[in-house]
Amino acid sequence: MQTLIDLFSQRAQDRPAAPAFTFLEDEREVGTLSWGDIDRRARASARRLQSAGLQPGDRVLVMQPPGLDYVVALVGILSMGIGMGLT
């Protein structure tokens, strides 16, 4: 069975420049992330969490406004196997 993180990783390998997420505000595009962007940024986010001492099975509170940074944080957290509290 493939996980969401497996799918994201595969897309980053197969189509790194292809758009993955586009964020809209008031029906206008304000930013886009490619699969490669998400992969690189989520891995960096996961490394920061690990350096802060978080381990798989820990919990983290996500206090991020809606947007592309939220997507990156979510993927980074999921890739580490950390549980989330969402606000």
N, C-alpha and C. Protein backbone atom coordinates (compact mmCIF):
# COMPACT_ATOMS: atom_id res chain seq x y z
N MET A 1 0.84 -1.18 0.00
CA MET A 1 0.00 0.00 0.00
C MET A 1 0.89 1.25 0.00
N GLN A 2 0.55 2.18 -0.83
CA GLN A 2 1.33 3.40 -0.94
C GLN A 2 0.75 4.48 -0.03
N THR A 3 1.63 5.20 0.69
CA THR A 3 1.18 6.29 1.55
C THR A 3 1.16 7.59 0.76
N LEU A 4 0.59 8.61 1.35
CA LEU A 4 0.58 9.93 0.73
C LEU A 4 2.01 10.43 0.54
N ILE A 5 2.87 10.20 1.51
CA ILE A 5 4.27 10.62 1.41
C ILE A 5 4.98 9.86 0.30
N ASP A 6 4.69 8.57 0.14
CA ASP A 6 5.25 7.80 -0.97
C ASP A 6 4.83 8.41 -2.31
N LEU A 7 3.57 8.77 -2.41
CA LEU A 7 3.05 9.39 -3.64
C LEU A 7 3.76 10.71 -3.92
N PHE A 8 3.90 11.55 -2.91
CA PHE A 8 4.58 12.83 -3.08
C PHE A 8 6.03 12.63 -3.53
N SER A 9 6.71 11.67 -2.91
CA SER A 9 8.10 11.40 -3.27
C SER A 9 8.22 10.90 -4.70
N GLN A 10 7.30 10.03 -5.09
CA GLN A 10 7.33 9.51 -6.46
C GLN A 10 7.08 10.62 -7.47
N ARG A 11 6.13 11.49 -7.17
CA ARG A 11 5.86 12.61 -8.08
C ARG A 11 7.06 13.54 -8.16
N ALA A 12 7.73 13.76 -7.04
CA ALA A 12 8.92 14.63 -7.04
C ALA A 12 10.03 14.03 -7.90
N GLN A 13 10.14 12.72 -7.92
CA GLN A 13 11.13 12.05 -8.77
C GLN A 13 10.73 12.09 -10.24
N ASP A 14 9.46 11.78 -10.50
CA ASP A 14 8.98 11.65 -11.88
C ASP A 14 8.75 12.99 -12.57
N ARG A 15 8.23 13.96 -11.82
CA ARG A 15 7.84 15.25 -12.39
C ARG A 15 8.21 16.40 -11.46
N PRO A 16 9.48 16.63 -11.20
CA PRO A 16 9.86 17.63 -10.21
C PRO A 16 9.41 19.05 -10.54
N ALA A 17 9.30 19.40 -11.80
CA ALA A 17 8.92 20.77 -12.17
C ALA A 17 7.42 20.95 -12.37
N ALA A 18 6.66 19.87 -12.35
CA ALA A 18 5.21 19.97 -12.57
C ALA A 18 4.53 20.62 -11.37
N PRO A 19 3.55 21.48 -11.62
CA PRO A 19 2.83 22.12 -10.51
C PRO A 19 2.08 21.08 -9.68
N ALA A 20 2.18 21.21 -8.37
CA ALA A 20 1.49 20.30 -7.45
C ALA A 20 0.35 21.01 -6.73
N PHE A 21 0.60 22.20 -6.23
CA PHE A 21 -0.39 22.97 -5.50
C PHE A 21 -0.33 24.43 -5.93
N THR A 22 -1.50 25.02 -6.09
CA THR A 22 -1.60 26.44 -6.36
C THR A 22 -2.51 27.04 -5.30
N PHE A 23 -2.06 28.10 -4.67
CA PHE A 23 -2.86 28.76 -3.64
C PHE A 23 -3.54 29.97 -4.24
N LEU A 24 -4.83 30.10 -3.95
CA LEU A 24 -5.64 31.22 -4.46
C LEU A 24 -6.10 32.09 -3.30
N GLU A 25 -6.12 33.37 -3.53
CA GLU A 25 -6.72 34.34 -2.61
C GLU A 25 -7.67 35.20 -3.41
N ASP A 26 -8.90 35.26 -2.96
CA ASP A 26 -9.91 36.03 -3.68
C ASP A 26 -9.93 35.67 -5.16
N GLU A 27 -9.86 34.37 -5.43
CA GLU A 27 -9.94 33.81 -6.78
C GLU A 27 -8.78 34.20 -7.70
N ARG A 28 -7.67 34.66 -7.11
CA ARG A 28 -6.49 34.94 -7.94
C ARG A 28 -5.32 34.13 -7.39
N GLU A 29 -4.49 33.69 -8.31
CA GLU A 29 -3.35 32.86 -7.95
C GLU A 29 -2.29 33.71 -7.25
N VAL A 30 -1.86 33.24 -6.08
CA VAL A 30 -0.82 33.96 -5.33
C VAL A 30 0.46 33.15 -5.17
N GLY A 31 0.44 31.90 -5.58
CA GLY A 31 1.65 31.09 -5.49
C GLY A 31 1.41 29.67 -5.93
N THR A 32 2.49 29.04 -6.41
CA THR A 32 2.43 27.65 -6.86
C THR A 32 3.68 26.93 -6.36
N LEU A 33 3.51 25.68 -5.98
CA LEU A 33 4.63 24.81 -5.62
C LEU A 33 4.67 23.64 -6.58
N SER A 34 5.86 23.32 -7.06
CA SER A 34 6.03 22.12 -7.87
C SER A 34 6.23 20.93 -6.92
N TRP A 35 6.17 19.72 -7.49
CA TRP A 35 6.42 18.53 -6.68
C TRP A 35 7.83 18.55 -6.11
N GLY A 36 8.79 19.02 -6.91
CA GLY A 36 10.16 19.12 -6.42
C GLY A 36 10.31 20.14 -5.30
N ASP A 37 9.61 21.28 -5.43
CA ASP A 37 9.62 22.30 -4.37
C ASP A 37 9.12 21.72 -3.06
N ILE A 38 7.99 21.02 -3.12
CA ILE A 38 7.41 20.45 -1.91
C ILE A 38 8.38 19.45 -1.29
N ASP A 39 8.96 18.59 -2.12
CA ASP A 39 9.89 17.58 -1.61
C ASP A 39 11.08 18.23 -0.90
N ARG A 40 11.71 19.19 -1.55
CA ARG A 40 12.89 19.86 -0.94
C ARG A 40 12.52 20.59 0.34
N ARG A 41 11.46 21.37 0.28
CA ARG A 41 11.09 22.18 1.44
C ARG A 41 10.57 21.32 2.59
N ALA A 42 9.82 20.26 2.28
CA ALA A 42 9.30 19.38 3.34
C ALA A 42 10.44 18.62 4.02
N ARG A 43 11.44 18.20 3.24
CA ARG A 43 12.60 17.52 3.84
C ARG A 43 13.36 18.49 4.76
N ALA A 44 13.50 19.73 4.34
CA ALA A 44 14.17 20.73 5.18
C ALA A 44 13.36 20.96 6.46
N SER A 45 12.04 21.02 6.34
CA SER A 45 11.17 21.20 7.50
C SER A 45 11.31 20.02 8.46
N ALA A 46 11.35 18.81 7.92
CA ALA A 46 11.51 17.62 8.76
C ALA A 46 12.86 17.63 9.47
N ARG A 47 13.91 18.07 8.79
CA ARG A 47 15.24 18.15 9.43
C ARG A 47 15.22 19.15 10.59
N ARG A 48 14.52 20.28 10.41
CA ARG A 48 14.43 21.27 11.50
C ARG A 48 13.69 20.68 12.69
N LEU A 49 12.63 19.93 12.43
CA LEU A 49 11.88 19.29 13.52
C LEU A 49 12.75 18.27 14.25
N GLN A 50 13.51 17.48 13.48
CA GLN A 50 14.40 16.50 14.11
C GLN A 50 15.48 17.18 14.93
N SER A 51 16.02 18.28 14.42
CA SER A 51 17.07 18.99 15.17
C SER A 51 16.51 19.61 16.44
N ALA A 52 15.20 19.84 16.48
CA ALA A 52 14.56 20.36 17.69
C ALA A 52 14.25 19.23 18.67
N GLY A 53 14.58 17.99 18.29
CA GLY A 53 14.40 16.87 19.20
C GLY A 53 13.12 16.08 18.99
N LEU A 54 12.31 16.43 18.00
CA LEU A 54 11.09 15.67 17.76
C LEU A 54 11.41 14.35 17.08
N GLN A 55 10.66 13.32 17.48
CA GLN A 55 10.85 11.97 16.96
C GLN A 55 9.50 11.42 16.48
N PRO A 56 9.54 10.40 15.61
CA PRO A 56 8.28 9.76 15.20
C PRO A 56 7.47 9.36 16.43
N GLY A 57 6.18 9.61 16.35
CA GLY A 57 5.29 9.31 17.47
C GLY A 57 5.03 10.52 18.36
N ASP A 58 5.89 11.54 18.30
CA ASP A 58 5.65 12.78 19.04
C ASP A 58 4.48 13.53 18.44
N ARG A 59 4.06 14.56 19.11
CA ARG A 59 2.97 15.42 18.64
C ARG A 59 3.50 16.82 18.42
N VAL A 60 2.91 17.51 17.45
CA VAL A 60 3.29 18.89 17.17
C VAL A 60 2.02 19.67 16.84
N LEU A 61 1.98 20.91 17.27
CA LEU A 61 0.85 21.79 16.98
C LEU A 61 1.20 22.63 15.76
N VAL A 62 0.34 22.61 14.75
CA VAL A 62 0.56 23.38 13.52
C VAL A 62 -0.21 24.69 13.63
N MET A 63 0.52 25.79 13.73
CA MET A 63 -0.11 27.12 13.82
C MET A 63 0.36 27.92 12.61
N GLN A 64 -0.15 27.53 11.47
CA GLN A 64 0.26 28.11 10.20
C GLN A 64 -0.99 28.60 9.48
N PRO A 65 -0.99 29.83 8.98
CA PRO A 65 -2.17 30.28 8.23
C PRO A 65 -2.31 29.49 6.93
N PRO A 66 -3.49 29.49 6.34
CA PRO A 66 -3.68 28.80 5.07
C PRO A 66 -2.68 29.30 4.03
N GLY A 67 -2.18 28.38 3.24
CA GLY A 67 -1.24 28.76 2.19
C GLY A 67 -0.28 27.64 1.88
N LEU A 68 0.66 27.93 1.01
CA LEU A 68 1.61 26.93 0.56
C LEU A 68 2.57 26.51 1.66
N ASP A 69 2.90 27.41 2.57
CA ASP A 69 3.77 27.04 3.70
C ASP A 69 3.10 25.99 4.58
N TYR A 70 1.78 26.05 4.68
CA TYR A 70 1.04 25.04 5.44
C TYR A 70 1.21 23.67 4.80
N VAL A 71 1.11 23.62 3.48
CA VAL A 71 1.28 22.35 2.76
C VAL A 71 2.66 21.77 3.04
N VAL A 72 3.69 22.62 2.96
CA VAL A 72 5.06 22.17 3.20
C VAL A 72 5.20 21.65 4.63
N ALA A 73 4.66 22.38 5.60
CA ALA A 73 4.74 21.95 7.00
C ALA A 73 4.03 20.61 7.19
N LEU A 74 2.86 20.48 6.62
CA LEU A 74 2.09 19.24 6.73
C LEU A 74 2.85 18.06 6.15
N VAL A 75 3.42 18.20 4.97
CA VAL A 75 4.16 17.10 4.35
C VAL A 75 5.41 16.78 5.16
N GLY A 76 6.10 17.79 5.66
CA GLY A 76 7.27 17.54 6.50
C GLY A 76 6.93 16.78 7.75
N ILE A 77 5.84 17.15 8.39
CA ILE A 77 5.39 16.47 9.61
C ILE A 77 4.98 15.03 9.30
N LEU A 78 4.20 14.85 8.25
CA LEU A 78 3.76 13.50 7.89
C LEU A 78 4.94 12.60 7.53
N SER A 79 5.94 13.17 6.89
CA SER A 79 7.09 12.35 6.49
C SER A 79 7.88 11.85 7.69
N MET A 80 7.76 12.55 8.81
CA MET A 80 8.44 12.12 10.05
C MET A 80 7.61 11.17 10.89
N GLY A 81 6.33 11.03 10.58
CA GLY A 81 5.47 10.17 11.38
C GLY A 81 5.05 10.82 12.69
N ILE A 82 4.96 12.14 12.67
CA ILE A 82 4.56 12.90 13.85
C ILE A 82 3.07 13.18 13.78
N GLY A 83 2.40 13.10 14.92
CA GLY A 83 0.98 13.44 14.99
C GLY A 83 0.81 14.95 15.03
N MET A 84 -0.39 15.42 14.68
CA MET A 84 -0.61 16.87 14.57
C MET A 84 -1.83 17.31 15.35
N GLY A 85 -1.72 18.53 15.85
CA GLY A 85 -2.87 19.29 16.31
C GLY A 85 -3.01 20.43 15.32
N LEU A 86 -4.17 20.60 14.75
CA LEU A 86 -4.36 21.61 13.71
C LEU A 86 -5.12 22.81 14.27
N THR A 87 -4.65 24.00 13.91
CA THR A 87 -5.38 25.21 14.28
C THR A 87 -5.56 26.07 13.07
